[in-house]
C-alpha cells in the first residue's frame, strides 16, 4: 500500500506552518523560502470555493524539483468544505504532499480524519509565539499605538491580505483573553465577556475588523498593568 502524503496538524496557523515546513525540510530536503514548489494558503473560515482553490494548486506539477507541497491553514471549515477535500486527501496527486492545519480538529469529519496522518505539534517556536507577542504589544501600548496597530490589521490590498489580517486579529483577541485570564477571571469578567462576543463577530468575514478591535481597546485599560 502506498504511504499517504496527507497530514494533519492541530495547532495555530503560524505554529502549524512552521512544523510543516520543518517536516518538509527534514524529510524531503526542500527549503521553504523562495521555493515555488511549496505553497502556503491561510484562511479564516475555509469555504467550498477555497477548497476548490486548494485542489487547483495541488494538481499542478512541481516547477523546480521532484515534489510539491501544499500547506493549508484554517481556523474553521464547513462540513461541506471538508467533504469537498475528501477525494484530494484520499488520493493526493503524484509527488504532492498535503498539510491541513487547524487550531482544533474536534469538529473534523471522521471521513476526512481517516485520510490524514496526524503530526504532533512542535514546541513553541519564534514563529509560533508571534500571536502572543502581538497581544502583549497591544496590552502594553498607549491608545495612539493601539490605534496604529488596529489600522494595520483592518487594512489589506486584496482578499488574501484581509483574510490573513482577520486571522491575526483573532490571534490577538485570543492572546488578550489568555493574558486577562492569567490576571484573574473576576478582575476582568466584563472584558472577557465582551471578548467572547467579539470573537464571534470576527469569524464573520463581513464584520468590520476595525470596529471590533476598537471596541476591544475601549474595554481594556490602556496600557494594561
C-alpha atoms as a PDB file:
ATOM      1  CA  UNK A   1       0.000   0.000   0.000  1.00  0.00           C
ATOM      2  CA  UNK A   2       1.374   3.418  -0.961  1.00  0.00           C
ATOM      3  CA  UNK A   3       2.014   5.632   2.091  1.00  0.00           C
ATOM      4  CA  UNK A   4      -0.335   8.583   2.434  1.00  0.00           C
ATOM      5  CA  UNK A   5       1.050  12.007   1.586  1.00  0.00           C
ATOM      6  CA  UNK A   6      -1.692  13.840   3.513  1.00  0.00           C
ATOM      7  CA  UNK A   7      -1.001  15.133   7.026  1.00  0.00           C
ATOM      8  CA  UNK A   8      -2.941  16.949   9.724  1.00  0.00           C
ATOM      9  CA  UNK A   9      -1.538  19.340  12.325  1.00  0.00           C
ATOM     10  CA  UNK A  10      -3.631  20.535  15.271  1.00  0.00           C
ATOM     11  CA  UNK A  11      -2.128  23.950  16.023  1.00  0.00           C
ATOM     12  CA  UNK A  12      -2.481  27.670  15.447  1.00  0.00           C
ATOM     13  CA  UNK A  13      -1.609  28.717  11.894  1.00  0.00           C
ATOM     14  CA  UNK A  14       1.899  30.071  12.441  1.00  0.00           C
ATOM     15  CA  UNK A  15       2.982  27.182  14.657  1.00  0.00           C
ATOM     16  CA  UNK A  16       1.476  24.592  12.308  1.00  0.00           C
ATOM     17  CA  UNK A  17       3.050  26.125   9.206  1.00  0.00           C
ATOM     18  CA  UNK A  18       6.438  26.187  10.930  1.00  0.00           C
ATOM     19  CA  UNK A  19       6.044  22.497  11.848  1.00  0.00           C
ATOM     20  CA  UNK A  20       5.016  21.537   8.303  1.00  0.00           C
ATOM     21  CA  UNK A  21       7.937  23.431   6.787  1.00  0.00           C
ATOM     22  CA  UNK A  22      10.346  21.794   9.226  1.00  0.00           C
ATOM     23  CA  UNK A  23       8.983  18.339   8.302  1.00  0.00           C
ATOM     24  CA  UNK A  24       9.394  19.151   4.608  1.00  0.00           C
ATOM     25  CA  UNK A  25      12.939  20.386   5.195  1.00  0.00           C
ATOM     26  CA  UNK A  26      13.844  17.251   7.149  1.00  0.00           C
ATOM     27  CA  UNK A  27      12.019  14.562   5.149  1.00  0.00           C
ATOM     28  CA  UNK A  28      12.033  15.964   1.614  1.00  0.00           C
ATOM     29  CA  UNK A  29      15.118  18.207   1.803  1.00  0.00           C
ATOM     30  CA  UNK A  30      13.096  21.150   0.489  1.00  0.00           C
ATOM     31  CA  UNK A  31      13.662  24.681   1.732  1.00  0.00           C
ATOM     32  CA  UNK A  32      10.505  26.774   2.065  1.00  0.00           C
ATOM     33  CA  UNK A  33      11.944  30.227   1.453  1.00  0.00           C
ATOM     34  CA  UNK A  34      11.549  31.271  -2.170  1.00  0.00           C
ATOM     35  CA  UNK A  35      10.524  27.768  -3.256  1.00  0.00           C
ATOM     36  CA  UNK A  36       7.710  27.772  -5.856  1.00  0.00           C
ATOM     37  CA  UNK A  37       7.030  24.092  -5.099  1.00  0.00           C
ATOM     38  CA  UNK A  38       5.868  24.919  -1.545  1.00  0.00           C
ATOM     39  CA  UNK A  39       2.503  26.687  -1.444  1.00  0.00           C
ATOM     40  CA  UNK A  40       1.134  28.065   1.844  1.00  0.00           C
ATOM     41  CA  UNK A  41      -2.565  29.013   1.949  1.00  0.00           C
ATOM     42  CA  UNK A  42      -4.085  30.674   5.027  1.00  0.00           C
ATOM     43  CA  UNK A  43      -7.790  31.083   5.666  1.00  0.00           C
ATOM     44  CA  UNK A  44     -10.101  32.093   8.466  1.00  0.00           C
ATOM     45  CA  UNK A  45     -13.252  30.217   7.521  1.00  0.00           C
ATOM     46  CA  UNK A  46     -12.405  27.693   4.791  1.00  0.00           C
ATOM     47  CA  UNK A  47     -15.210  27.653   2.219  1.00  0.00           C
ATOM     48  CA  UNK A  48     -16.043  25.207  -0.561  1.00  0.00           C
ATOM     49  CA  UNK A  49     -14.668  27.728  -3.067  1.00  0.00           C
ATOM     50  CA  UNK A  50     -11.433  27.827  -1.063  1.00  0.00           C
ATOM     51  CA  UNK A  51     -11.281  24.009  -1.146  1.00  0.00           C
ATOM     52  CA  UNK A  52     -11.506  24.109  -4.933  1.00  0.00           C
ATOM     53  CA  UNK A  53      -8.644  26.574  -4.989  1.00  0.00           C
ATOM     54  CA  UNK A  54      -6.578  24.213  -2.813  1.00  0.00           C
ATOM     55  CA  UNK A  55      -7.244  21.400  -5.284  1.00  0.00           C
ATOM     56  CA  UNK A  56      -6.161  23.603  -8.196  1.00  0.00           C
ATOM     57  CA  UNK A  57      -2.827  24.293  -6.508  1.00  0.00           C
ATOM     58  CA  UNK A  58      -2.368  20.608  -5.685  1.00  0.00           C
ATOM     59  CA  UNK A  59      -2.845  19.246  -9.204  1.00  0.00           C
ATOM     60  CA  UNK A  60      -0.151  21.392 -10.782  1.00  0.00           C
ATOM     61  CA  UNK A  61       3.203  19.736 -11.479  1.00  0.00           C
ATOM     62  CA  UNK A  62       6.295  20.738  -9.458  1.00  0.00           C
ATOM     63  CA  UNK A  63       8.134  23.651 -11.026  1.00  0.00           C
ATOM     64  CA  UNK A  64      11.629  23.097  -9.686  1.00  0.00           C
ATOM     65  CA  UNK A  65      12.117  19.721  -8.008  1.00  0.00           C
ATOM     66  CA  UNK A  66      10.581  16.262  -7.795  1.00  0.00           C
ATOM     67  CA  UNK A  67       7.954  17.055  -5.151  1.00  0.00           C
ATOM     68  CA  UNK A  68       5.302  19.643  -4.455  1.00  0.00           C
ATOM     69  CA  UNK A  69       3.914  20.705  -1.051  1.00  0.00           C
ATOM     70  CA  UNK A  70       0.588  22.414  -0.311  1.00  0.00           C
ATOM     71  CA  UNK A  71       0.095  23.680   3.254  1.00  0.00           C
ATOM     72  CA  UNK A  72      -3.438  24.764   4.167  1.00  0.00           C
ATOM     73  CA  UNK A  73      -4.060  26.564   7.475  1.00  0.00           C
ATOM     74  CA  UNK A  74      -7.601  27.481   8.526  1.00  0.00           C
ATOM     75  CA  UNK A  75      -9.411  28.416  11.712  1.00  0.00           C
ATOM     76  CA  UNK A  76     -12.658  26.669  10.781  1.00  0.00           C
ATOM     77  CA  UNK A  77     -14.029  24.644   7.880  1.00  0.00           C
ATOM     78  CA  UNK A  78     -17.620  23.955   6.892  1.00  0.00           C
ATOM     79  CA  UNK A  79     -18.587  20.274   6.750  1.00  0.00           C
ATOM     80  CA  UNK A  80     -19.378  20.835   3.081  1.00  0.00           C
ATOM     81  CA  UNK A  81     -15.808  22.094   2.661  1.00  0.00           C
ATOM     82  CA  UNK A  82     -14.389  19.032   4.392  1.00  0.00           C
ATOM     83  CA  UNK A  83     -16.410  16.797   2.098  1.00  0.00           C
ATOM     84  CA  UNK A  84     -15.006  18.711  -0.876  1.00  0.00           C
ATOM     85  CA  UNK A  85     -11.480  17.884   0.336  1.00  0.00           C
ATOM     86  CA  UNK A  86     -12.085  14.146   0.803  1.00  0.00           C
ATOM     87  CA  UNK A  87     -11.029  12.973  -2.642  1.00  0.00           C
ATOM     88  CA  UNK A  88      -7.940  15.179  -2.685  1.00  0.00           C
ATOM     89  CA  UNK A  89      -6.725  13.958   0.711  1.00  0.00           C
ATOM     90  CA  UNK A  90      -7.582  10.345  -0.068  1.00  0.00           C
ATOM     91  CA  UNK A  91      -5.524  10.338  -3.267  1.00  0.00           C
ATOM     92  CA  UNK A  92      -3.119  13.291  -3.419  1.00  0.00           C
ATOM     93  CA  UNK A  93      -1.609  13.862  -6.875  1.00  0.00           C
ATOM     94  CA  UNK A  94       1.620  12.022  -7.544  1.00  0.00           C
ATOM     95  CA  UNK A  95       4.581  13.503  -5.634  1.00  0.00           C
ATOM     96  CA  UNK A  96       2.334  16.026  -3.887  1.00  0.00           C
ATOM     97  CA  UNK A  97       2.325  16.360  -0.084  1.00  0.00           C
ATOM     98  CA  UNK A  98      -0.669  17.949   1.651  1.00  0.00           C
ATOM     99  CA  UNK A  99      -0.815  19.504   5.138  1.00  0.00           C
ATOM    100  CA  UNK A 100      -4.069  20.585   6.787  1.00  0.00           C
ATOM    101  CA  UNK A 101      -3.707  22.808   9.862  1.00  0.00           C
ATOM    102  CA  UNK A 102      -6.463  23.856  12.285  1.00  0.00           C
ATOM    103  CA  UNK A 103      -6.401  25.000  15.940  1.00  0.00           C
ATOM    104  CA  UNK A 104      -8.759  22.137  16.802  1.00  0.00           C
ATOM    105  CA  UNK A 105      -9.803  19.001  14.930  1.00  0.00           C
ATOM    106  CA  UNK A 106     -12.728  18.422  17.286  1.00  0.00           C
ATOM    107  CA  UNK A 107     -15.232  19.132  14.507  1.00  0.00           C
ATOM    108  CA  UNK A 108     -13.286  17.351  11.791  1.00  0.00           C
ATOM    109  CA  UNK A 109     -15.400  14.795   9.950  1.00  0.00           C
ATOM    110  CA  UNK A 110     -14.313  11.196  10.703  1.00  0.00           C
ATOM    111  CA  UNK A 111     -14.165  10.528   6.953  1.00  0.00           C
ATOM    112  CA  UNK A 112     -11.575  13.295   6.499  1.00  0.00           C
ATOM    113  CA  UNK A 113      -9.643  12.452   9.657  1.00  0.00           C
ATOM    114  CA  UNK A 114      -9.252   8.864   8.436  1.00  0.00           C
ATOM    115  CA  UNK A 115      -7.473  10.134   5.325  1.00  0.00           C
ATOM    116  CA  UNK A 116      -4.733  12.085   7.084  1.00  0.00           C
ATOM    117  CA  UNK A 117      -1.793  11.205   9.294  1.00  0.00           C
ATOM    118  CA  UNK A 118      -1.631  13.421  12.373  1.00  0.00           C
ATOM    119  CA  UNK A 119       1.669  15.127  13.156  1.00  0.00           C
ATOM    120  CA  UNK A 120       2.355  16.248  16.698  1.00  0.00           C
ATOM    121  CA  UNK A 121       2.595  19.968  17.323  1.00  0.00           C
ATOM    122  CA  UNK A 122       6.087  21.297  17.758  1.00  0.00           C
ATOM    123  CA  UNK A 123       7.278  23.004  20.938  1.00  0.00           C
ATOM    124  CA  UNK A 124       6.710  26.769  20.849  1.00  0.00           C
ATOM    125  CA  UNK A 125       8.925  28.461  18.278  1.00  0.00           C
ATOM    126  CA  UNK A 126       9.634  32.065  17.396  1.00  0.00           C
ATOM    127  CA  UNK A 127       7.063  31.808  14.627  1.00  0.00           C
ATOM    128  CA  UNK A 128       4.516  30.234  16.953  1.00  0.00           C
ATOM    129  CA  UNK A 129       4.979  32.968  19.558  1.00  0.00           C
ATOM    130  CA  UNK A 130       4.155  35.843  17.176  1.00  0.00           C
ATOM    131  CA  UNK A 131       0.490  35.909  18.149  1.00  0.00           C
ATOM    132  CA  UNK A 132       1.241  36.234  21.877  1.00  0.00           C
ATOM    133  CA  UNK A 133       3.796  38.924  21.032  1.00  0.00           C
ATOM    134  CA  UNK A 134       1.162  40.948  19.178  1.00  0.00           C
ATOM    135  CA  UNK A 135      -1.251  40.572  22.094  1.00  0.00           C
ATOM    136  CA  UNK A 136       1.460  41.664  24.543  1.00  0.00           C
ATOM    137  CA  UNK A 137       2.265  44.674  22.361  1.00  0.00           C
ATOM    138  CA  UNK A 138      -1.420  45.615  22.239  1.00  0.00           C
ATOM    139  CA  UNK A 139      -1.904  45.332  26.004  1.00  0.00           C
ATOM    140  CA  UNK A 140       1.156  47.452  26.826  1.00  0.00           C
ATOM    141  CA  UNK A 141       0.544  50.080  24.134  1.00  0.00           C
ATOM    142  CA  UNK A 142      -0.836  53.561  24.537  1.00  0.00           C
ATOM    143  CA  UNK A 143      -4.153  54.497  22.958  1.00  0.00           C
ATOM    144  CA  UNK A 144      -2.338  56.003  19.968  1.00  0.00           C
ATOM    145  CA  UNK A 145      -0.152  52.932  19.381  1.00  0.00           C
ATOM    146  CA  UNK A 146      -3.160  50.643  19.665  1.00  0.00           C
ATOM    147  CA  UNK A 147      -4.935  52.708  17.016  1.00  0.00           C
ATOM    148  CA  UNK A 148      -1.962  52.289  14.668  1.00  0.00           C
ATOM    149  CA  UNK A 149      -1.959  48.510  15.175  1.00  0.00           C
ATOM    150  CA  UNK A 150      -5.714  48.332  14.647  1.00  0.00           C
ATOM    151  CA  UNK A 151      -5.418  50.347  11.440  1.00  0.00           C
ATOM    152  CA  UNK A 152      -2.798  47.902  10.149  1.00  0.00           C
ATOM    153  CA  UNK A 153      -4.943  44.835  10.909  1.00  0.00           C
ATOM    154  CA  UNK A 154      -8.017  46.466   9.360  1.00  0.00           C
ATOM    155  CA  UNK A 155      -6.242  47.115   6.063  1.00  0.00           C
ATOM    156  CA  UNK A 156      -5.227  44.882   3.164  1.00  0.00           C
ATOM    157  CA  UNK A 157      -4.641  45.368  -0.532  1.00  0.00           C
ATOM    158  CA  UNK A 158      -6.598  42.261  -1.562  1.00  0.00           C
ATOM    159  CA  UNK A 159      -8.767  39.442  -0.229  1.00  0.00           C
ATOM    160  CA  UNK A 160      -5.774  37.317   0.804  1.00  0.00           C
ATOM    161  CA  UNK A 161      -4.265  40.174   2.812  1.00  0.00           C
ATOM    162  CA  UNK A 162      -7.563  40.930   4.511  1.00  0.00           C
ATOM    163  CA  UNK A 163      -8.101  37.249   5.287  1.00  0.00           C
ATOM    164  CA  UNK A 164      -4.666  36.966   6.890  1.00  0.00           C
ATOM    165  CA  UNK A 165      -5.191  40.188   8.858  1.00  0.00           C
ATOM    166  CA  UNK A 166      -8.518  38.907  10.185  1.00  0.00           C
ATOM    167  CA  UNK A 167      -6.824  35.682  11.291  1.00  0.00           C
ATOM    168  CA  UNK A 168      -4.131  37.741  13.012  1.00  0.00           C
ATOM    169  CA  UNK A 169      -6.834  39.837  14.699  1.00  0.00           C
ATOM    170  CA  UNK A 170      -8.404  36.640  16.041  1.00  0.00           C
ATOM    171  CA  UNK A 171      -4.995  35.536  17.330  1.00  0.00           C
ATOM    172  CA  UNK A 172      -4.589  38.932  19.005  1.00  0.00           C
ATOM    173  CA  UNK A 173      -8.009  38.565  20.637  1.00  0.00           C
ATOM    174  CA  UNK A 174      -7.119  35.078  21.878  1.00  0.00           C
ATOM    175  CA  UNK A 175      -3.810  36.331  23.278  1.00  0.00           C
ATOM    176  CA  UNK A 176      -5.504  39.210  25.104  1.00  0.00           C
ATOM    177  CA  UNK A 177      -8.066  36.784  26.534  1.00  0.00           C
ATOM    178  CA  UNK A 178      -5.317  34.475  27.826  1.00  0.00           C
ATOM    179  CA  UNK A 179      -3.497  37.416  29.428  1.00  0.00           C
ATOM    180  CA  UNK A 180      -6.654  38.628  31.192  1.00  0.00           C
ATOM    181  CA  UNK A 181      -7.432  35.139  32.455  1.00  0.00           C
ATOM    182  CA  UNK A 182      -3.938  34.931  33.963  1.00  0.00           C
ATOM    183  CA  UNK A 183      -4.661  38.130  35.888  1.00  0.00           C
ATOM    184  CA  UNK A 184      -7.937  36.782  37.213  1.00  0.00           C
ATOM    185  CA  UNK A 185     -11.408  35.998  35.913  1.00  0.00           C
ATOM    186  CA  UNK A 186     -13.193  38.187  38.485  1.00  0.00           C
ATOM    187  CA  UNK A 187     -10.943  41.189  37.806  1.00  0.00           C
ATOM    188  CA  UNK A 188     -11.694  41.182  34.083  1.00  0.00           C
ATOM    189  CA  UNK A 189     -15.101  39.478  33.957  1.00  0.00           C
ATOM    190  CA  UNK A 190     -16.759  42.213  31.882  1.00  0.00           C
ATOM    191  CA  UNK A 191     -13.922  42.438  29.345  1.00  0.00           C
ATOM    192  CA  UNK A 192     -13.761  38.656  28.992  1.00  0.00           C
ATOM    193  CA  UNK A 193     -17.494  38.551  28.341  1.00  0.00           C
ATOM    194  CA  UNK A 194     -17.072  41.163  25.606  1.00  0.00           C
ATOM    195  CA  UNK A 195     -14.228  39.150  24.066  1.00  0.00           C
ATOM    196  CA  UNK A 196     -16.495  36.114  23.711  1.00  0.00           C
ATOM    197  CA  UNK A 197     -18.932  38.238  21.709  1.00  0.00           C
ATOM    198  CA  UNK A 198     -16.227  39.962  19.660  1.00  0.00           C
ATOM    199  CA  UNK A 199     -14.670  36.628  18.663  1.00  0.00           C
ATOM    200  CA  UNK A 200     -17.988  35.540  17.181  1.00  0.00           C
ATOM    201  CA  UNK A 201     -18.117  38.728  15.108  1.00  0.00           C
ATOM    202  CA  UNK A 202     -14.544  38.252  13.862  1.00  0.00           C
ATOM    203  CA  UNK A 203     -15.437  34.814  12.483  1.00  0.00           C
ATOM    204  CA  UNK A 204     -17.973  36.576  10.241  1.00  0.00           C
ATOM    205  CA  UNK A 205     -15.926  37.745   7.236  1.00  0.00           C
ATOM    206  CA  UNK A 206     -18.353  40.624   6.609  1.00  0.00           C
ATOM    207  CA  UNK A 207     -17.904  42.108  10.094  1.00  0.00           C
ATOM    208  CA  UNK A 208     -15.544  45.140  10.246  1.00  0.00           C
ATOM    209  CA  UNK A 209     -12.234  44.275  11.939  1.00  0.00           C
ATOM    210  CA  UNK A 210     -11.544  47.894  12.812  1.00  0.00           C
ATOM    211  CA  UNK A 211     -14.740  48.445  14.809  1.00  0.00           C
ATOM    212  CA  UNK A 212     -14.310  45.139  16.643  1.00  0.00           C
ATOM    213  CA  UNK A 213     -10.731  45.869  17.713  1.00  0.00           C
ATOM    214  CA  UNK A 214     -11.576  49.470  18.608  1.00  0.00           C
ATOM    215  CA  UNK A 215     -14.229  48.129  20.965  1.00  0.00           C
ATOM    216  CA  UNK A 216     -11.644  45.744  22.431  1.00  0.00           C
ATOM    217  CA  UNK A 217      -9.308  48.691  23.023  1.00  0.00           C
ATOM    218  CA  UNK A 218     -12.068  50.578  24.827  1.00  0.00           C
ATOM    219  CA  UNK A 219     -12.809  47.763  27.295  1.00  0.00           C
ATOM    220  CA  UNK A 220      -9.125  47.029  28.055  1.00  0.00           C
ATOM    221  CA  UNK A 221      -7.214  49.651  30.127  1.00  0.00           C
ATOM    222  CA  UNK A 222      -4.525  51.363  28.065  1.00  0.00           C
ATOM    223  CA  UNK A 223      -1.891  50.360  28.851  1.00  0.00           C
ATOM    224  CA  UNK A 224      -2.879  47.334  30.914  1.00  0.00           C
ATOM    225  CA  UNK A 225      -0.915  46.979  34.141  1.00  0.00           C
END
